[in-house]
Amino acid sequence: MAKQPRIGDAVLSYSAALVLEAMAQGHRHGFEIMRATRLPSGSVYPLLRRLEAAGLVESRWERVAEAHDEGRPQRRYYSPTAEGRAALRQARERLIAQQSLFLRPRHGVTGGPREP
């Protein structure tokens, strides 16, 4: 069985996988990642710090002059590392396997709410 992607002692969460996927699709700074994932800043920024501490993401600050020229605060750009890309591949496989649960027919299911 493949090793599960981890942040510290925890398996890569759905939210962390979303953040990595957003980066893989070209969203590189916090606001872009928040917009792509629809996660709040209180989730995205702590996740980015944990992903970086775990070696799954690396970051760099843009040049001050670039931000100044555009009249905005300096941005920190994030990108997945090789380990982060591998973790994302594993998370995608896990998500596909989990999605199949929702696609199965619901014959003989008892104890839950009934669908019309």
PDB file of N, CA and C in Angstrom:
ATOM      1  N   MET A   1       0.840  -1.177   0.000  1.00  0.00           N
ATOM      2  CA  MET A   1       0.000   0.000   0.000  1.00  0.00           C
ATOM      3  C   MET A   1       0.888   1.245   0.000  1.00  0.00           C
ATOM      4  N   ALA A   2       0.489   2.265  -0.776  1.00  0.00           N
ATOM      5  CA  ALA A   2       1.257   3.495  -0.892  1.00  0.00           C
ATOM      6  C   ALA A   2       1.214   4.272   0.415  1.00  0.00           C
ATOM      7  N   LYS A   3       2.321   4.926   0.719  1.00  0.00           N
ATOM      8  CA  LYS A   3       2.392   5.767   1.904  1.00  0.00           C
ATOM      9  C   LYS A   3       1.469   6.972   1.720  1.00  0.00           C
ATOM     10  N   GLN A   4       0.662   7.276   2.737  1.00  0.00           N
ATOM     11  CA  GLN A   4      -0.257   8.408   2.669  1.00  0.00           C
ATOM     12  C   GLN A   4       0.516   9.717   2.840  1.00  0.00           C
ATOM     13  N   PRO A   5       0.171  10.773   2.067  1.00  0.00           N
ATOM     14  CA  PRO A   5       0.816  12.063   2.247  1.00  0.00           C
ATOM     15  C   PRO A   5       0.495  12.604   3.626  1.00  0.00           C
ATOM     16  N   ARG A   6       1.491  13.209   4.270  1.00  0.00           N
ATOM     17  CA  ARG A   6       1.314  13.638   5.652  1.00  0.00           C
ATOM     18  C   ARG A   6       1.787  15.065   5.849  1.00  0.00           C
ATOM     19  N   ILE A   7       1.147  15.738   6.795  1.00  0.00           N
ATOM     20  CA  ILE A   7       1.631  17.009   7.310  1.00  0.00           C
ATOM     21  C   ILE A   7       1.902  16.741   8.772  1.00  0.00           C
ATOM     22  N   GLY A   8       3.146  16.716   9.151  1.00  0.00           N
ATOM     23  CA  GLY A   8       3.467  16.355  10.518  1.00  0.00           C
ATOM     24  C   GLY A   8       3.016  14.935  10.773  1.00  0.00           C
ATOM     25  N   ASP A   9       2.128  14.741  11.735  1.00  0.00           N
ATOM     26  CA  ASP A   9       1.642  13.417  12.081  1.00  0.00           C
ATOM     27  C   ASP A   9       0.269  13.106  11.486  1.00  0.00           C
ATOM     28  N   ALA A  10      -0.276  14.002  10.674  1.00  0.00           N
ATOM     29  CA  ALA A  10      -1.630  13.807  10.146  1.00  0.00           C
ATOM     30  C   ALA A  10      -1.581  13.517   8.650  1.00  0.00           C
ATOM     31  N   VAL A  11      -2.521  12.699   8.182  1.00  0.00           N
ATOM     32  CA  VAL A  11      -2.666  12.454   6.747  1.00  0.00           C
ATOM     33  C   VAL A  11      -3.103  13.761   6.096  1.00  0.00           C
ATOM     34  N   LEU A  12      -2.641  14.002   4.886  1.00  0.00           N
ATOM     35  CA  LEU A  12      -2.993  15.221   4.157  1.00  0.00           C
ATOM     36  C   LEU A  12      -4.513  15.390   4.136  1.00  0.00           C
ATOM     37  N   SER A  13      -4.993  16.497   4.647  1.00  0.00           N
ATOM     38  CA  SER A  13      -6.439  16.748   4.738  1.00  0.00           C
ATOM     39  C   SER A  13      -7.005  17.130   3.379  1.00  0.00           C
ATOM     40  N   TYR A  14      -8.333  17.088   3.296  1.00  0.00           N
ATOM     41  CA  TYR A  14      -9.011  17.496   2.077  1.00  0.00           C
ATOM     42  C   TYR A  14      -8.671  18.955   1.754  1.00  0.00           C
ATOM     43  N   SER A  15      -8.682  19.828   2.767  1.00  0.00           N
ATOM     44  CA  SER A  15      -8.369  21.244   2.551  1.00  0.00           C
ATOM     45  C   SER A  15      -6.931  21.427   2.075  1.00  0.00           C
ATOM     46  N   ALA A  16      -6.003  20.681   2.649  1.00  0.00           N
ATOM     47  CA  ALA A  16      -4.610  20.778   2.218  1.00  0.00           C
ATOM     48  C   ALA A  16      -4.467  20.302   0.772  1.00  0.00           C
ATOM     49  N   ALA A  17      -5.191  19.252   0.423  1.00  0.00           N
ATOM     50  CA  ALA A  17      -5.163  18.766  -0.959  1.00  0.00           C
ATOM     51  C   ALA A  17      -5.747  19.815  -1.904  1.00  0.00           C
ATOM     52  N   LEU A  18      -6.811  20.502  -1.487  1.00  0.00           N
ATOM     53  CA  LEU A  18      -7.391  21.578  -2.296  1.00  0.00           C
ATOM     54  C   LEU A  18      -6.374  22.691  -2.542  1.00  0.00           C
ATOM     55  N   VAL A  19      -5.656  23.069  -1.507  1.00  0.00           N
ATOM     56  CA  VAL A  19      -4.651  24.131  -1.622  1.00  0.00           C
ATOM     57  C   VAL A  19      -3.541  23.697  -2.576  1.00  0.00           C
ATOM     58  N   LEU A  20      -3.059  22.465  -2.443  1.00  0.00           N
ATOM     59  CA  LEU A  20      -2.031  21.959  -3.364  1.00  0.00           C
ATOM     60  C   LEU A  20      -2.551  21.904  -4.796  1.00  0.00           C
ATOM     61  N   GLU A  21      -3.796  21.494  -4.967  1.00  0.00           N
ATOM     62  CA  GLU A  21      -4.389  21.433  -6.308  1.00  0.00           C
ATOM     63  C   GLU A  21      -4.493  22.834  -6.911  1.00  0.00           C
ATOM     64  N   ALA A  22      -4.890  23.810  -6.111  1.00  0.00           N
ATOM     65  CA  ALA A  22      -4.972  25.187  -6.605  1.00  0.00           C
ATOM     66  C   ALA A  22      -3.598  25.660  -7.083  1.00  0.00           C
ATOM     67  N   MET A  23      -2.563  25.355  -6.313  1.00  0.00           N
ATOM     68  CA  MET A  23      -1.201  25.730  -6.723  1.00  0.00           C
ATOM     69  C   MET A  23      -0.808  25.018  -8.012  1.00  0.00           C
ATOM     70  N   ALA A  24      -1.159  23.746  -8.117  1.00  0.00           N
ATOM     71  CA  ALA A  24      -0.830  22.973  -9.321  1.00  0.00           C
ATOM     72  C   ALA A  24      -1.511  23.557 -10.553  1.00  0.00           C
ATOM     73  N   GLN A  25      -2.641  24.226 -10.349  1.00  0.00           N
ATOM     74  CA  GLN A  25      -3.369  24.842 -11.456  1.00  0.00           C
ATOM     75  C   GLN A  25      -2.932  26.287 -11.712  1.00  0.00           C
ATOM     76  N   GLY A  26      -1.892  26.740 -10.995  1.00  0.00           N
ATOM     77  CA  GLY A  26      -1.325  28.052 -11.276  1.00  0.00           C
ATOM     78  C   GLY A  26      -1.696  29.164 -10.321  1.00  0.00           C
ATOM     79  N   HIS A  27      -2.480  28.886  -9.301  1.00  0.00           N
ATOM     80  CA  HIS A  27      -2.825  29.903  -8.300  1.00  0.00           C
ATOM     81  C   HIS A  27      -1.684  29.923  -7.287  1.00  0.00           C
ATOM     82  N   ARG A  28      -0.943  31.034  -7.222  1.00  0.00           N
ATOM     83  CA  ARG A  28       0.312  31.027  -6.474  1.00  0.00           C
ATOM     84  C   ARG A  28       0.368  31.882  -5.216  1.00  0.00           C
ATOM     85  N   HIS A  29      -0.541  32.828  -5.035  1.00  0.00           N
ATOM     86  CA  HIS A  29      -0.485  33.610  -3.795  1.00  0.00           C
ATOM     87  C   HIS A  29      -1.794  33.444  -3.039  1.00  0.00           C
ATOM     88  N   GLY A  30      -1.777  33.860  -1.784  1.00  0.00           N
ATOM     89  CA  GLY A  30      -2.889  33.590  -0.874  1.00  0.00           C
ATOM     90  C   GLY A  30      -4.266  33.923  -1.399  1.00  0.00           C
ATOM     91  N   PHE A  31      -4.458  35.145  -1.924  1.00  0.00           N
ATOM     92  CA  PHE A  31      -5.792  35.520  -2.391  1.00  0.00           C
ATOM     93  C   PHE A  31      -6.237  34.672  -3.571  1.00  0.00           C
ATOM     94  N   GLU A  32      -5.331  34.361  -4.477  1.00  0.00           N
ATOM     95  CA  GLU A  32      -5.694  33.485  -5.610  1.00  0.00           C
ATOM     96  C   GLU A  32      -6.098  32.107  -5.112  1.00  0.00           C
ATOM     97  N   ILE A  33      -5.360  31.588  -4.152  1.00  0.00           N
ATOM     98  CA  ILE A  33      -5.647  30.263  -3.593  1.00  0.00           C
ATOM     99  C   ILE A  33      -6.993  30.282  -2.872  1.00  0.00           C
ATOM    100  N   MET A  34      -7.260  31.356  -2.130  1.00  0.00           N
ATOM    101  CA  MET A  34      -8.553  31.479  -1.442  1.00  0.00           C
ATOM    102  C   MET A  34      -9.694  31.516  -2.451  1.00  0.00           C
ATOM    103  N   ARG A  35      -9.530  32.274  -3.522  1.00  0.00           N
ATOM    104  CA  ARG A  35     -10.571  32.378  -4.546  1.00  0.00           C
ATOM    105  C   ARG A  35     -10.805  31.028  -5.225  1.00  0.00           C
ATOM    106  N   ALA A  36      -9.728  30.328  -5.560  1.00  0.00           N
ATOM    107  CA  ALA A  36      -9.848  29.048  -6.269  1.00  0.00           C
ATOM    108  C   ALA A  36     -10.481  27.963  -5.405  1.00  0.00           C
ATOM    109  N   THR A  37     -10.122  27.936  -4.122  1.00  0.00           N
ATOM    110  CA  THR A  37     -10.601  26.863  -3.236  1.00  0.00           C
ATOM    111  C   THR A  37     -11.880  27.212  -2.495  1.00  0.00           C
ATOM    112  N   ARG A  38     -12.198  28.497  -2.439  1.00  0.00           N
ATOM    113  CA  ARG A  38     -13.332  29.007  -1.654  1.00  0.00           C
ATOM    114  C   ARG A  38     -13.164  28.742  -0.165  1.00  0.00           C
ATOM    115  N   LEU A  39     -11.906  28.615   0.264  1.00  0.00           N
ATOM    116  CA  LEU A  39     -11.600  28.470   1.684  1.00  0.00           C
ATOM    117  C   LEU A  39     -11.297  29.851   2.255  1.00  0.00           C
ATOM    118  N   PRO A  40     -11.621  30.100   3.524  1.00  0.00           N
ATOM    119  CA  PRO A  40     -11.332  31.398   4.128  1.00  0.00           C
ATOM    120  C   PRO A  40      -9.844  31.560   4.448  1.00  0.00           C
ATOM    121  N   SER A  41      -9.437  32.807   4.624  1.00  0.00           N
ATOM    122  CA  SER A  41      -8.029  33.094   4.928  1.00  0.00           C
ATOM    123  C   SER A  41      -7.588  32.392   6.209  1.00  0.00           C
ATOM    124  N   GLY A  42      -8.510  32.249   7.172  1.00  0.00           N
ATOM    125  CA  GLY A  42      -8.184  31.571   8.429  1.00  0.00           C
ATOM    126  C   GLY A  42      -7.887  30.093   8.255  1.00  0.00           C
ATOM    127  N   SER A  43      -8.206  29.545   7.087  1.00  0.00           N
ATOM    128  CA  SER A  43      -7.844  28.164   6.763  1.00  0.00           C
ATOM    129  C   SER A  43      -6.636  28.125   5.839  1.00  0.00           C
ATOM    130  N   VAL A  44      -6.619  28.992   4.832  1.00  0.00           N
ATOM    131  CA  VAL A  44      -5.578  28.936   3.800  1.00  0.00           C
ATOM    132  C   VAL A  44      -4.199  29.267   4.359  1.00  0.00           C
ATOM    133  N   TYR A  45      -4.070  30.379   5.078  1.00  0.00           N
ATOM    134  CA  TYR A  45      -2.731  30.789   5.520  1.00  0.00           C
ATOM    135  C   TYR A  45      -2.105  29.822   6.527  1.00  0.00           C
ATOM    136  N   PRO A  46      -2.854  29.328   7.512  1.00  0.00           N
ATOM    137  CA  PRO A  46      -2.259  28.307   8.383  1.00  0.00           C
ATOM    138  C   PRO A  46      -1.880  27.034   7.608  1.00  0.00           C
ATOM    139  N   LEU A  47      -2.712  26.646   6.635  1.00  0.00           N
ATOM    140  CA  LEU A  47      -2.383  25.471   5.813  1.00  0.00           C
ATOM    141  C   LEU A  47      -1.092  25.700   5.029  1.00  0.00           C
ATOM    142  N   LEU A  48      -0.946  26.878   4.453  1.00  0.00           N
ATOM    143  CA  LEU A  48       0.274  27.181   3.699  1.00  0.00           C
ATOM    144  C   LEU A  48       1.500  27.084   4.598  1.00  0.00           C
ATOM    145  N   ARG A  49       1.402  27.595   5.819  1.00  0.00           N
ATOM    146  CA  ARG A  49       2.534  27.511   6.752  1.00  0.00           C
ATOM    147  C   ARG A  49       2.851  26.052   7.099  1.00  0.00           C
ATOM    148  N   ARG A  50       1.798  25.247   7.354  1.00  0.00           N
ATOM    149  CA  ARG A  50       2.030  23.834   7.696  1.00  0.00           C
ATOM    150  C   ARG A  50       2.599  23.066   6.502  1.00  0.00           C
ATOM    151  N   LEU A  51       2.072  23.327   5.304  1.00  0.00           N
ATOM    152  CA  LEU A  51       2.588  22.658   4.108  1.00  0.00           C
ATOM    153  C   LEU A  51       4.052  23.018   3.875  1.00  0.00           C
ATOM    154  N   GLU A  52       4.395  24.266   4.112  1.00  0.00           N
ATOM    155  CA  GLU A  52       5.795  24.681   3.936  1.00  0.00           C
ATOM    156  C   GLU A  52       6.687  24.033   4.991  1.00  0.00           C
ATOM    157  N   ALA A  53       6.235  24.013   6.236  1.00  0.00           N
ATOM    158  CA  ALA A  53       7.017  23.387   7.311  1.00  0.00           C
ATOM    159  C   ALA A  53       7.228  21.896   7.050  1.00  0.00           C
ATOM    160  N   ALA A  54       6.263  21.259   6.388  1.00  0.00           N
ATOM    161  CA  ALA A  54       6.352  19.830   6.084  1.00  0.00           C
ATOM    162  C   ALA A  54       7.170  19.557   4.818  1.00  0.00           C
ATOM    163  N   GLY A  55       7.613  20.620   4.130  1.00  0.00           N
ATOM    164  CA  GLY A  55       8.416  20.436   2.924  1.00  0.00           C
ATOM    165  C   GLY A  55       7.604  20.149   1.673  1.00  0.00           C
ATOM    166  N   LEU A  56       6.281  20.375   1.724  1.00  0.00           N
ATOM    167  CA  LEU A  56       5.428  20.112   0.572  1.00  0.00           C
ATOM    168  C   LEU A  56       5.261  21.340  -0.314  1.00  0.00           C
ATOM    169  N   VAL A  57       5.601  22.506   0.230  1.00  0.00           N
ATOM    170  CA  VAL A  57       5.442  23.784  -0.467  1.00  0.00           C
ATOM    171  C   VAL A  57       6.673  24.633  -0.164  1.00  0.00           C
ATOM    172  N   GLU A  58       7.073  25.439  -1.134  1.00  0.00           N
ATOM    173  CA  GLU A  58       8.104  26.437  -0.885  1.00  0.00           C
ATOM    174  C   GLU A  58       7.539  27.797  -1.258  1.00  0.00           C
ATOM    175  N   SER A  59       8.118  28.851  -0.692  1.00  0.00           N
ATOM    176  CA  SER A  59       7.576  30.180  -0.969  1.00  0.00           C
ATOM    177  C   SER A  59       8.704  31.174  -1.209  1.00  0.00           C
ATOM    178  N   ARG A  60       8.309  32.271  -1.831  1.00  0.00           N
ATOM    179  CA  ARG A  60       9.227  33.396  -2.025  1.00  0.00           C
ATOM    180  C   ARG A  60       8.408  34.672  -2.028  1.00  0.00           C
ATOM    181  N   TRP A  61       9.005  35.731  -1.538  1.00  0.00           N
ATOM    182  CA  TRP A  61       8.360  37.038  -1.565  1.00  0.00           C
ATOM    183  C   TRP A  61       8.671  37.706  -2.888  1.00  0.00           C
ATOM    184  N   GLU A  62       7.694  38.407  -3.445  1.00  0.00           N
ATOM    185  CA  GLU A  62       7.955  39.161  -4.664  1.00  0.00           C
ATOM    186  C   GLU A  62       8.809  40.382  -4.322  1.00  0.00           C
ATOM    187  N   ARG A  63       9.369  40.997  -5.335  1.00  0.00           N
ATOM    188  CA  ARG A  63      10.171  42.200  -5.129  1.00  0.00           C
ATOM    189  C   ARG A  63       9.281  43.327  -4.605  1.00  0.00           C
ATOM    190  N   VAL A  64       9.782  44.082  -3.669  1.00  0.00           N
ATOM    191  CA  VAL A  64       9.033  45.197  -3.084  1.00  0.00           C
ATOM    192  C   VAL A  64       8.649  46.192  -4.171  1.00  0.00           C
ATOM    193  N   ALA A  65       9.561  46.456  -5.085  1.00  0.00           N
ATOM    194  CA  ALA A  65       9.306  47.435  -6.159  1.00  0.00           C
ATOM    195  C   ALA A  65       8.119  47.011  -7.023  1.00  0.00           C
ATOM    196  N   GLU A  66       7.997  45.720  -7.281  1.00  0.00           N
ATOM    197  CA  GLU A  66       6.883  45.222  -8.098  1.00  0.00           C
ATOM    198  C   GLU A  66       5.542  45.510  -7.417  1.00  0.00           C
ATOM    199  N   ALA A  67       5.462  45.217  -6.130  1.00  0.00           N
ATOM    200  CA  ALA A  67       4.228  45.484  -5.379  1.00  0.00           C
ATOM    201  C   ALA A  67       3.972  46.985  -5.314  1.00  0.00           C
ATOM    202  N   HIS A  68       5.017  47.755  -5.066  1.00  0.00           N
ATOM    203  CA  HIS A  68       4.879  49.216  -4.976  1.00  0.00           C
ATOM    204  C   HIS A  68       4.378  49.798  -6.297  1.00  0.00           C
ATOM    205  N   ASP A  69       4.935  49.311  -7.406  1.00  0.00           N
ATOM    206  CA  ASP A  69       4.512  49.798  -8.731  1.00  0.00           C
ATOM    207  C   ASP A  69       3.033  49.534  -8.988  1.00  0.00           C
ATOM    208  N   GLU A  70       2.517  48.431  -8.425  1.00  0.00           N
ATOM    209  CA  GLU A  70       1.109  48.082  -8.610  1.00  0.00           C
ATOM    210  C   GLU A  70       0.220  48.624  -7.490  1.00  0.00           C
ATOM    211  N   GLY A  71       0.821  49.347  -6.533  1.00  0.00           N
ATOM    212  CA  GLY A  71       0.056  49.986  -5.463  1.00  0.00           C
ATOM    213  C   GLY A  71      -0.628  49.019  -4.522  1.00  0.00           C
ATOM    214  N   ARG A  72       0.059  47.956  -4.154  1.00  0.00           N
ATOM    215  CA  ARG A  72      -0.536  46.949  -3.265  1.00  0.00           C
ATOM    216  C   ARG A  72       0.543  46.374  -2.358  1.00  0.00           C
ATOM    217  N   PRO A  73       0.125  45.633  -1.337  1.00  0.00           N
ATOM    218  CA  PRO A  73       1.115  44.983  -0.464  1.00  0.00           C
ATOM    219  C   PRO A  73       1.910  43.914  -1.221  1.00  0.00           C
ATOM    220  N   GLN A  74       3.061  43.628  -0.719  1.00  0.00           N
ATOM    221  CA  GLN A  74       3.921  42.591  -1.286  1.00  0.00           C
ATOM    222  C   GLN A  74       3.240  41.227  -1.169  1.00  0.00           C
ATOM    223  N   ARG A  75       3.363  40.410  -2.198  1.00  0.00           N
ATOM    224  CA  ARG A  75       2.775  39.066  -2.203  1.00  0.00           C
ATOM    225  C   ARG A  75       3.836  38.017  -1.911  1.00  0.00           C
ATOM    226  N   ARG A  76       3.376  36.958  -1.276  1.00  0.00           N
ATOM    227  CA  ARG A  76       4.224  35.795  -1.074  1.00  0.00           C
ATOM    228  C   ARG A  76       3.714  34.724  -2.031  1.00  0.00           C
ATOM    229  N   TYR A  77       4.591  34.217  -2.887  1.00  0.00           N
ATOM    230  CA  TYR A  77       4.206  33.226  -3.885  1.00  0.00           C
ATOM    231  C   TYR A  77       4.595  31.832  -3.401  1.00  0.00           C
ATOM    232  N   TYR A  78       3.679  30.899  -3.587  1.00  0.00           N
ATOM    233  CA  TYR A  78       3.863  29.520  -3.132  1.00  0.00           C
ATOM    234  C   TYR A  78       3.877  28.583  -4.331  1.00  0.00           C
ATOM    235  N   SER A  79       4.656  27.520  -4.214  1.00  0.00           N
ATOM    236  CA  SER A  79       4.639  26.477  -5.238  1.00  0.00           C
ATOM    237  C   SER A  79       4.921  25.133  -4.574  1.00  0.00           C
ATOM    238  N   PRO A  80       4.304  24.071  -5.096  1.00  0.00           N
ATOM    239  CA  PRO A  80       4.532  22.747  -4.513  1.00  0.00           C
ATOM    240  C   PRO A  80       5.944  22.258  -4.836  1.00  0.00           C
ATOM    241  N   THR A  81       6.545  21.584  -3.891  1.00  0.00           N
ATOM    242  CA  THR A  81       7.838  20.944  -4.106  1.00  0.00           C
ATOM    243  C   THR A  81       7.595  19.595  -4.786  1.00  0.00           C
ATOM    244  N   ALA A  82       8.646  18.888  -5.131  1.00  0.00           N
ATOM    245  CA  ALA A  82       8.496  17.544  -5.710  1.00  0.00           C
ATOM    246  C   ALA A  82       7.720  16.652  -4.739  1.00  0.00           C
ATOM    247  N   GLU A  83       8.028  16.772  -3.455  1.00  0.00           N
ATOM    248  CA  GLU A  83       7.309  15.981  -2.441  1.00  0.00           C
ATOM    249  C   GLU A  83       5.837  16.405  -2.380  1.00  0.00           C
ATOM    250  N   GLY A  84       5.574  17.689  -2.533  1.00  0.00           N
ATOM    251  CA  GLY A  84       4.195  18.184  -2.539  1.00  0.00           C
ATOM    252  C   GLY A  84       3.420  17.686  -3.741  1.00  0.00           C
ATOM    253  N   ARG A  85       4.081  17.629  -4.909  1.00  0.00           N
ATOM    254  CA  ARG A  85       3.409  17.112  -6.106  1.00  0.00           C
ATOM    255  C   ARG A  85       3.099  15.626  -5.949  1.00  0.00           C
ATOM    256  N   ALA A  86       4.018  14.887  -5.325  1.00  0.00           N
ATOM    257  CA  ALA A  86       3.774  13.460  -5.066  1.00  0.00           C
ATOM    258  C   ALA A  86       2.614  13.286  -4.086  1.00  0.00           C
ATOM    259  N   ALA A  87       2.571  14.130  -3.056  1.00  0.00           N
ATOM    260  CA  ALA A  87       1.474  14.072  -2.075  1.00  0.00           C
ATOM    261  C   ALA A  87       0.147  14.388  -2.748  1.00  0.00           C
ATOM    262  N   LEU A  88       0.153  15.332  -3.676  1.00  0.00           N
ATOM    263  CA  LEU A  88      -1.071  15.683  -4.387  1.00  0.00           C
ATOM    264  C   LEU A  88      -1.540  14.525  -5.260  1.00  0.00           C
ATOM    265  N   ARG A  89      -0.624  13.842  -5.926  1.00  0.00           N
ATOM    266  CA  ARG A  89      -1.013  12.670  -6.731  1.00  0.00           C
ATOM    267  C   ARG A  89      -1.692  11.627  -5.855  1.00  0.00           C
ATOM    268  N   GLN A  90      -1.133  11.368  -4.689  1.00  0.00           N
ATOM    269  CA  GLN A  90      -1.723  10.387  -3.773  1.00  0.00           C
ATOM    270  C   GLN A  90      -3.079  10.863  -3.261  1.00  0.00           C
ATOM    271  N   ALA A  91      -3.194  12.145  -2.967  1.00  0.00           N
ATOM    272  CA  ALA A  91      -4.470  12.685  -2.486  1.00  0.00           C
ATOM    273  C   ALA A  91      -5.535  12.595  -3.575  1.00  0.00           C
ATOM    274  N   ARG A  92      -5.153  12.824  -4.824  1.00  0.00           N
ATOM    275  CA  ARG A  92      -6.111  12.686  -5.934  1.00  0.00           C
ATOM    276  C   ARG A  92      -6.613  11.255  -6.031  1.00  0.00           C
ATOM    277  N   GLU A  93      -5.697  10.288  -5.909  1.00  0.00           N
ATOM    278  CA  GLU A  93      -6.083   8.874  -5.970  1.00  0.00           C
ATOM    279  C   GLU A  93      -7.048   8.536  -4.832  1.00  0.00           C
ATOM    280  N   ARG A  94      -6.744   9.041  -3.640  1.00  0.00           N
ATOM    281  CA  ARG A  94      -7.605   8.784  -2.483  1.00  0.00           C
ATOM    282  C   ARG A  94      -8.984   9.404  -2.701  1.00  0.00           C
ATOM    283  N   LEU A  95      -9.035  10.624  -3.226  1.00  0.00           N
ATOM    284  CA  LEU A  95     -10.304  11.297  -3.462  1.00  0.00           C
ATOM    285  C   LEU A  95     -11.142  10.553  -4.494  1.00  0.00           C
ATOM    286  N   ILE A  96     -10.519  10.085  -5.551  1.00  0.00           N
ATOM    287  CA  ILE A  96     -11.247   9.320  -6.579  1.00  0.00           C
ATOM    288  C   ILE A  96     -11.837   8.055  -5.963  1.00  0.00           C
ATOM    289  N   ALA A  97     -11.069   7.376  -5.127  1.00  0.00           N
ATOM    290  CA  ALA A  97     -11.581   6.173  -4.462  1.00  0.00           C
ATOM    291  C   ALA A  97     -12.743   6.523  -3.538  1.00  0.00           C
ATOM    292  N   GLN A  98     -12.639   7.653  -2.827  1.00  0.00           N
ATOM    293  CA  GLN A  98     -13.716   8.058  -1.926  1.00  0.00           C
ATOM    294  C   GLN A  98     -14.961   8.485  -2.692  1.00  0.00           C
ATOM    295  N   GLN A  99     -14.785   9.134  -3.829  1.00  0.00           N
ATOM    296  CA  GLN A  99     -15.931   9.561  -4.623  1.00  0.00           C
ATOM    297  C   GLN A  99     -16.746   8.375  -5.109  1.00  0.00           C
ATOM    298  N   SER A 100     -16.093   7.259  -5.340  1.00  0.00           N
ATOM    299  CA  SER A 100     -16.823   6.086  -5.818  1.00  0.00           C
ATOM    300  C   SER A 100     -17.875   5.641  -4.808  1.00  0.00           C
ATOM    301  N   LEU A 101     -17.663   5.931  -3.546  1.00  0.00           N
ATOM    302  CA  LEU A 101     -18.665   5.609  -2.522  1.00  0.00           C
ATOM    303  C   LEU A 101     -19.979   6.325  -2.798  1.00  0.00           C
ATOM    304  N   PHE A 102     -19.908   7.568  -3.244  1.00  0.00           N
ATOM    305  CA  PHE A 102     -21.112   8.349  -3.525  1.00  0.00           C
ATOM    306  C   PHE A 102     -21.790   7.937  -4.825  1.00  0.00           C
ATOM    307  N   LEU A 103     -21.069   7.260  -5.680  1.00  0.00           N
ATOM    308  CA  LEU A 103     -21.610   6.866  -6.976  1.00  0.00           C
ATOM    309  C   LEU A 103     -22.244   5.485  -6.955  1.00  0.00           C
ATOM    310  N   ARG A 104     -22.045   4.749  -5.860  1.00  0.00           N
ATOM    311  CA  ARG A 104     -22.614   3.398  -5.756  1.00  0.00           C
ATOM    312  C   ARG A 104     -24.116   3.463  -5.578  1.00  0.00           C
ATOM    313  N   PRO A 105     -24.839   2.476  -6.119  1.00  0.00           N
ATOM    314  CA  PRO A 105     -26.293   2.402  -5.867  1.00  0.00           C
ATOM    315  C   PRO A 105     -26.544   2.206  -4.378  1.00  0.00           C
ATOM    316  N   ARG A 106     -27.666   2.687  -3.907  1.00  0.00           N
ATOM    317  CA  ARG A 106     -27.983   2.641  -2.475  1.00  0.00           C
ATOM    318  C   ARG A 106     -28.981   1.548  -2.153  1.00  0.00           C
ATOM    319  N   HIS A 107     -28.766   0.376  -2.656  1.00  0.00           N
ATOM    320  CA  HIS A 107     -29.673  -0.746  -2.398  1.00  0.00           C
ATOM    321  C   HIS A 107     -29.407  -1.317  -1.018  1.00  0.00           C
ATOM    322  N   GLY A 108     -30.468  -1.505  -0.260  1.00  0.00           N
ATOM    323  CA  GLY A 108     -30.352  -2.184   1.031  1.00  0.00           C
ATOM    324  C   GLY A 108     -29.755  -1.346   2.138  1.00  0.00           C
ATOM    325  N   VAL A 109     -29.620  -0.039   1.957  1.00  0.00           N
ATOM    326  CA  VAL A 109     -29.078   0.815   3.009  1.00  0.00           C
ATOM    327  C   VAL A 109     -30.179   1.086   4.012  1.00  0.00           C
ATOM    328  N   THR A 110     -29.876   0.857   5.294  1.00  0.00           N
ATOM    329  CA  THR A 110     -30.877   1.109   6.324  1.00  0.00           C
ATOM    330  C   THR A 110     -30.308   2.048   7.376  1.00  0.00           C
ATOM    331  N   GLY A 111     -31.189   2.669   8.103  1.00  0.00           N
ATOM    332  CA  GLY A 111     -30.774   3.496   9.229  1.00  0.00           C
ATOM    333  C   GLY A 111     -30.504   4.942   8.875  1.00  0.00           C
ATOM    334  N   GLY A 112     -30.473   5.297   7.609  1.00  0.00           N
ATOM    335  CA  GLY A 112     -30.207   6.670   7.234  1.00  0.00           C
ATOM    336  C   GLY A 112     -31.434   7.327   6.645  1.00  0.00           C
ATOM    337  N   PRO A 113     -31.316   8.596   6.332  1.00  0.00           N
ATOM    338  CA  PRO A 113     -32.464   9.281   5.730  1.00  0.00           C
ATOM    339  C   PRO A 113     -32.766   8.703   4.346  1.00  0.00           C
ATOM    340  N   ARG A 114     -34.030   8.705   3.998  1.00  0.00           N
ATOM    341  CA  ARG A 114     -34.452   8.185   2.704  1.00  0.00           C
ATOM    342  C   ARG A 114     -34.437   9.284   1.663  1.00  0.00           C
ATOM    343  N   GLU A 115     -34.043   8.890   0.486  1.00  0.00           N
ATOM    344  CA  GLU A 115     -34.076   9.841  -0.627  1.00  0.00           C
ATOM    345  C   GLU A 115     -35.392   9.684  -1.354  1.00  0.00           C
ATOM    346  N   PRO A 116     -35.939  10.785  -1.888  1.00  0.00           N
ATOM    347  CA  PRO A 116     -37.225  10.695  -2.612  1.00  0.00           C
ATOM    348  C   PRO A 116     -37.106   9.878  -3.870  1.00  0.00           C
TER     349      PRO A 116
END
